[in-house]
N, C-alpha and C. Protein backbone atom coordinates (compact mmCIF):
# COMPACT_ATOMS: atom_id res chain seq x y z
N MET A 1 -8.39 19.50 2.93
CA MET A 1 -8.08 18.31 3.70
C MET A 1 -6.58 18.31 3.96
N ASN A 2 -6.20 18.01 5.17
CA ASN A 2 -4.79 17.98 5.51
C ASN A 2 -4.27 16.55 5.46
N TYR A 3 -3.70 16.19 4.32
CA TYR A 3 -3.20 14.83 4.13
C TYR A 3 -2.07 14.50 5.09
N MET A 4 -1.23 15.47 5.41
CA MET A 4 -0.11 15.21 6.31
C MET A 4 -0.62 14.76 7.67
N ASP A 5 -1.70 15.37 8.17
CA ASP A 5 -2.26 14.96 9.46
C ASP A 5 -2.72 13.51 9.43
N ILE A 6 -3.35 13.12 8.33
CA ILE A 6 -3.82 11.74 8.20
C ILE A 6 -2.63 10.79 8.15
N LEU A 7 -1.62 11.13 7.36
CA LEU A 7 -0.45 10.27 7.25
C LEU A 7 0.27 10.10 8.57
N ARG A 8 0.48 11.17 9.30
CA ARG A 8 1.28 11.07 10.52
C ARG A 8 0.50 10.53 11.72
N GLY A 9 -0.83 10.58 11.65
CA GLY A 9 -1.60 10.11 12.80
C GLY A 9 -1.23 10.93 14.02
N TYR A 10 -0.81 10.26 15.10
CA TYR A 10 -0.37 10.96 16.30
C TYR A 10 1.15 10.98 16.42
N GLY A 11 1.84 10.49 15.39
CA GLY A 11 3.30 10.44 15.43
C GLY A 11 3.94 11.57 14.65
N GLU A 12 5.25 11.56 14.65
CA GLU A 12 6.01 12.53 13.87
C GLU A 12 5.99 12.12 12.41
N PRO A 13 5.92 13.07 11.50
CA PRO A 13 5.89 12.71 10.08
C PRO A 13 7.24 12.18 9.60
N LEU A 14 7.19 11.20 8.71
CA LEU A 14 8.39 10.72 8.04
C LEU A 14 8.65 11.63 6.84
N PRO A 15 9.92 11.80 6.45
CA PRO A 15 10.22 12.66 5.30
C PRO A 15 9.51 12.24 4.01
N VAL A 16 9.29 10.94 3.83
CA VAL A 16 8.65 10.43 2.62
C VAL A 16 7.20 10.92 2.50
N TYR A 17 6.60 11.31 3.60
CA TYR A 17 5.21 11.78 3.56
C TYR A 17 5.06 13.02 2.68
N THR A 18 6.09 13.86 2.62
CA THR A 18 6.01 15.09 1.84
C THR A 18 5.69 14.81 0.37
N ASP A 19 6.38 13.82 -0.21
CA ASP A 19 6.11 13.50 -1.61
C ASP A 19 4.77 12.81 -1.80
N ILE A 20 4.33 12.05 -0.81
CA ILE A 20 3.01 11.42 -0.89
C ILE A 20 1.93 12.52 -0.89
N VAL A 21 2.10 13.50 -0.04
CA VAL A 21 1.15 14.62 0.00
C VAL A 21 1.15 15.36 -1.33
N ARG A 22 2.32 15.57 -1.92
CA ARG A 22 2.40 16.25 -3.21
C ARG A 22 1.59 15.48 -4.26
N CYS A 23 1.67 14.16 -4.23
CA CYS A 23 0.91 13.33 -5.18
C CYS A 23 -0.59 13.43 -4.94
N LEU A 24 -0.99 13.45 -3.69
CA LEU A 24 -2.41 13.55 -3.37
C LEU A 24 -2.97 14.92 -3.76
N GLU A 25 -2.16 15.95 -3.64
CA GLU A 25 -2.60 17.29 -4.00
C GLU A 25 -2.60 17.51 -5.52
N ASN A 26 -1.74 16.77 -6.23
CA ASN A 26 -1.67 16.90 -7.68
C ASN A 26 -1.37 15.51 -8.26
N LEU A 27 -2.40 14.79 -8.61
CA LEU A 27 -2.27 13.41 -9.08
C LEU A 27 -1.37 13.29 -10.30
N ASP A 28 -1.24 14.34 -11.08
CA ASP A 28 -0.37 14.30 -12.26
C ASP A 28 1.10 14.10 -11.89
N LEU A 29 1.49 14.41 -10.66
CA LEU A 29 2.87 14.21 -10.21
C LEU A 29 3.16 12.76 -9.83
N PHE A 30 2.13 11.98 -9.58
CA PHE A 30 2.31 10.63 -9.06
C PHE A 30 3.22 9.75 -9.92
N PRO A 31 3.04 9.71 -11.24
CA PRO A 31 3.93 8.86 -12.05
C PRO A 31 5.40 9.28 -11.95
N TYR A 32 5.63 10.55 -11.71
CA TYR A 32 7.00 11.06 -11.65
C TYR A 32 7.64 10.87 -10.27
N LEU A 33 6.82 10.76 -9.24
CA LEU A 33 7.34 10.64 -7.88
C LEU A 33 7.28 9.22 -7.33
N VAL A 34 6.62 8.31 -8.00
CA VAL A 34 6.42 6.98 -7.44
C VAL A 34 7.75 6.27 -7.18
N GLU A 35 8.70 6.39 -8.09
CA GLU A 35 10.00 5.74 -7.88
C GLU A 35 10.76 6.38 -6.72
N LYS A 36 10.71 7.70 -6.62
CA LYS A 36 11.38 8.39 -5.51
C LYS A 36 10.77 7.97 -4.18
N ILE A 37 9.45 7.90 -4.12
CA ILE A 37 8.79 7.47 -2.88
C ILE A 37 9.21 6.04 -2.54
N TYR A 38 9.28 5.18 -3.55
CA TYR A 38 9.71 3.80 -3.33
C TYR A 38 11.13 3.74 -2.79
N THR A 39 12.06 4.43 -3.44
CA THR A 39 13.46 4.37 -2.99
C THR A 39 13.64 5.03 -1.63
N ASP A 40 12.91 6.11 -1.37
CA ASP A 40 12.96 6.74 -0.05
C ASP A 40 12.43 5.80 1.02
N SER A 41 11.41 5.03 0.69
CA SER A 41 10.85 4.09 1.67
C SER A 41 11.83 2.95 1.97
N LEU A 42 12.64 2.57 0.98
CA LEU A 42 13.64 1.52 1.21
C LEU A 42 14.74 1.98 2.15
N ALA A 43 14.95 3.27 2.23
CA ALA A 43 16.01 3.82 3.07
C ALA A 43 15.55 4.05 4.51
N LEU A 44 14.29 3.79 4.80
CA LEU A 44 13.79 3.99 6.16
C LEU A 44 14.40 2.95 7.09
N GLY A 45 14.64 3.33 8.31
CA GLY A 45 15.23 2.39 9.26
C GLY A 45 14.24 1.88 10.29
N ASP A 46 14.59 0.79 10.90
CA ASP A 46 13.89 0.17 12.04
C ASP A 46 12.37 0.11 11.91
N ASP A 47 11.66 0.89 12.73
CA ASP A 47 10.19 0.80 12.75
C ASP A 47 9.52 1.69 11.72
N ALA A 48 10.28 2.48 10.98
CA ALA A 48 9.70 3.41 10.01
C ALA A 48 8.90 2.74 8.91
N PRO A 49 9.31 1.56 8.38
CA PRO A 49 8.45 0.92 7.37
C PRO A 49 7.05 0.59 7.89
N ASP A 50 6.95 0.15 9.14
CA ASP A 50 5.63 -0.10 9.73
C ASP A 50 4.84 1.20 9.85
N ARG A 51 5.50 2.26 10.24
CA ARG A 51 4.83 3.57 10.35
C ARG A 51 4.33 4.02 8.98
N LEU A 52 5.13 3.81 7.93
CA LEU A 52 4.72 4.17 6.58
C LEU A 52 3.52 3.34 6.15
N ARG A 53 3.57 2.06 6.43
CA ARG A 53 2.45 1.20 6.00
C ARG A 53 1.16 1.63 6.68
N PHE A 54 1.22 1.89 7.97
CA PHE A 54 0.01 2.30 8.66
C PHE A 54 -0.43 3.70 8.25
N ALA A 55 0.47 4.55 7.80
CA ALA A 55 0.09 5.84 7.25
C ALA A 55 -0.74 5.64 5.98
N LEU A 56 -0.30 4.72 5.13
CA LEU A 56 -1.04 4.41 3.90
C LEU A 56 -2.39 3.77 4.23
N VAL A 57 -2.42 2.94 5.25
CA VAL A 57 -3.69 2.33 5.69
C VAL A 57 -4.62 3.41 6.23
N ARG A 58 -4.07 4.36 7.00
CA ARG A 58 -4.91 5.46 7.52
C ARG A 58 -5.55 6.24 6.37
N LEU A 59 -4.80 6.47 5.30
CA LEU A 59 -5.37 7.15 4.13
C LEU A 59 -6.54 6.37 3.57
N GLN A 60 -6.37 5.05 3.44
CA GLN A 60 -7.44 4.22 2.89
C GLN A 60 -8.66 4.20 3.80
N ILE A 61 -8.44 4.13 5.10
CA ILE A 61 -9.55 4.16 6.05
C ILE A 61 -10.29 5.49 5.97
N HIS A 62 -9.53 6.58 5.92
CA HIS A 62 -10.13 7.91 5.81
C HIS A 62 -10.99 7.99 4.54
N ALA A 63 -10.45 7.48 3.43
CA ALA A 63 -11.20 7.50 2.18
C ALA A 63 -12.48 6.68 2.28
N ASP A 64 -12.41 5.52 2.93
CA ASP A 64 -13.61 4.69 3.10
C ASP A 64 -14.65 5.40 3.95
N ILE A 65 -14.23 6.04 5.01
CA ILE A 65 -15.17 6.73 5.91
C ILE A 65 -15.88 7.87 5.18
N HIS A 66 -15.14 8.56 4.32
CA HIS A 66 -15.69 9.74 3.65
C HIS A 66 -16.05 9.50 2.20
N ARG A 67 -16.24 8.24 1.82
CA ARG A 67 -16.43 7.90 0.41
C ARG A 67 -17.62 8.58 -0.25
N TYR A 68 -18.67 8.89 0.47
CA TYR A 68 -19.85 9.49 -0.15
C TYR A 68 -19.82 11.02 -0.12
N GLN A 69 -18.87 11.60 0.57
CA GLN A 69 -18.77 13.06 0.61
C GLN A 69 -18.13 13.62 -0.66
N ASP A 70 -17.11 12.93 -1.16
CA ASP A 70 -16.43 13.37 -2.38
C ASP A 70 -15.83 12.13 -3.03
N MET A 71 -16.58 11.53 -3.93
CA MET A 71 -16.17 10.25 -4.52
C MET A 71 -14.88 10.38 -5.34
N GLU A 72 -14.71 11.49 -6.03
CA GLU A 72 -13.49 11.67 -6.82
C GLU A 72 -12.26 11.74 -5.92
N GLU A 73 -12.38 12.49 -4.83
CA GLU A 73 -11.28 12.60 -3.86
C GLU A 73 -10.99 11.24 -3.24
N THR A 74 -12.02 10.50 -2.89
CA THR A 74 -11.87 9.17 -2.31
C THR A 74 -11.13 8.24 -3.26
N GLN A 75 -11.49 8.25 -4.51
CA GLN A 75 -10.83 7.38 -5.50
C GLN A 75 -9.36 7.75 -5.63
N LYS A 76 -9.07 9.02 -5.63
CA LYS A 76 -7.68 9.48 -5.75
C LYS A 76 -6.85 9.01 -4.55
N ILE A 77 -7.38 9.20 -3.36
CA ILE A 77 -6.67 8.80 -2.14
C ILE A 77 -6.43 7.29 -2.14
N LYS A 78 -7.48 6.53 -2.43
CA LYS A 78 -7.34 5.07 -2.41
C LYS A 78 -6.38 4.58 -3.49
N TYR A 79 -6.38 5.23 -4.64
CA TYR A 79 -5.48 4.82 -5.72
C TYR A 79 -4.02 5.04 -5.31
N VAL A 80 -3.70 6.24 -4.86
CA VAL A 80 -2.32 6.55 -4.48
C VAL A 80 -1.87 5.66 -3.33
N ALA A 81 -2.67 5.56 -2.28
CA ALA A 81 -2.29 4.74 -1.12
C ALA A 81 -2.16 3.27 -1.50
N GLY A 82 -3.09 2.76 -2.30
CA GLY A 82 -3.06 1.35 -2.68
C GLY A 82 -1.89 1.00 -3.57
N VAL A 83 -1.61 1.85 -4.56
CA VAL A 83 -0.48 1.60 -5.45
C VAL A 83 0.83 1.62 -4.66
N LEU A 84 0.99 2.62 -3.80
CA LEU A 84 2.22 2.69 -3.01
C LEU A 84 2.36 1.49 -2.09
N GLU A 85 1.28 1.09 -1.45
CA GLU A 85 1.36 -0.05 -0.54
C GLU A 85 1.73 -1.33 -1.30
N LYS A 86 1.15 -1.53 -2.47
CA LYS A 86 1.48 -2.72 -3.26
C LYS A 86 2.92 -2.69 -3.74
N ILE A 87 3.38 -1.54 -4.21
CA ILE A 87 4.76 -1.43 -4.71
C ILE A 87 5.77 -1.61 -3.58
N ILE A 88 5.53 -0.97 -2.47
CA ILE A 88 6.50 -0.99 -1.37
C ILE A 88 6.42 -2.28 -0.56
N PHE A 89 5.21 -2.77 -0.29
CA PHE A 89 5.04 -3.90 0.62
C PHE A 89 4.58 -5.19 -0.06
N GLY A 90 4.20 -5.12 -1.32
CA GLY A 90 3.84 -6.32 -2.07
C GLY A 90 2.37 -6.70 -2.04
N ASN A 91 1.62 -6.15 -1.11
CA ASN A 91 0.19 -6.44 -1.03
C ASN A 91 -0.50 -5.36 -0.20
N LEU A 92 -1.81 -5.48 -0.11
CA LEU A 92 -2.60 -4.54 0.68
C LEU A 92 -2.93 -5.17 2.03
N LEU A 93 -2.73 -4.42 3.08
CA LEU A 93 -3.11 -4.90 4.41
C LEU A 93 -4.63 -5.02 4.51
N LEU A 94 -5.33 -4.07 3.92
CA LEU A 94 -6.79 -4.08 3.92
C LEU A 94 -7.28 -4.49 2.54
N GLU A 95 -7.55 -5.74 2.36
CA GLU A 95 -8.10 -6.24 1.08
C GLU A 95 -9.60 -6.13 1.15
N HIS A 96 -10.19 -5.58 0.10
CA HIS A 96 -11.66 -5.51 0.03
C HIS A 96 -12.15 -6.71 -0.76
N GLU A 97 -12.97 -7.52 -0.12
CA GLU A 97 -13.51 -8.70 -0.79
C GLU A 97 -14.77 -8.31 -1.54
N GLU A 98 -14.86 -8.79 -2.75
CA GLU A 98 -16.07 -8.57 -3.53
C GLU A 98 -17.08 -9.66 -3.12
N THR A 99 -18.28 -9.25 -2.85
CA THR A 99 -19.31 -10.21 -2.51
C THR A 99 -20.12 -10.52 -3.75
N MET A 100 -20.46 -11.78 -3.90
CA MET A 100 -21.26 -12.21 -5.05
C MET A 100 -22.59 -12.72 -4.54
N ALA A 101 -23.64 -12.35 -5.22
CA ALA A 101 -24.96 -12.83 -4.86
C ALA A 101 -25.12 -14.27 -5.33
N VAL A 102 -25.65 -15.08 -4.47
CA VAL A 102 -25.89 -16.49 -4.80
C VAL A 102 -27.39 -16.66 -4.98
N ASP A 103 -27.79 -17.17 -6.12
CA ASP A 103 -29.23 -17.36 -6.39
C ASP A 103 -29.71 -18.65 -5.81
């Protein structure tokens, strides 16, 4: 799977995407790179924060679409994208509501 293609969509990749891809390819690196990704995202200018946020949303959408093909991969993608989005932006753009059965 080419994570960089998902992150960049139809735009040019942001430099911060490289470390995000490294985390997706090796989840053990995530705890060590999360602060670097956060500080790199703070240094983005103008429209780049929106581009980063939608890159993380694209990852989550991709994971949702392919959730039954590889559940472990889906969980990894959603975890990395969700944690980064919460840390960088304070919340998730795509909140999943839990439905409760009413008797």
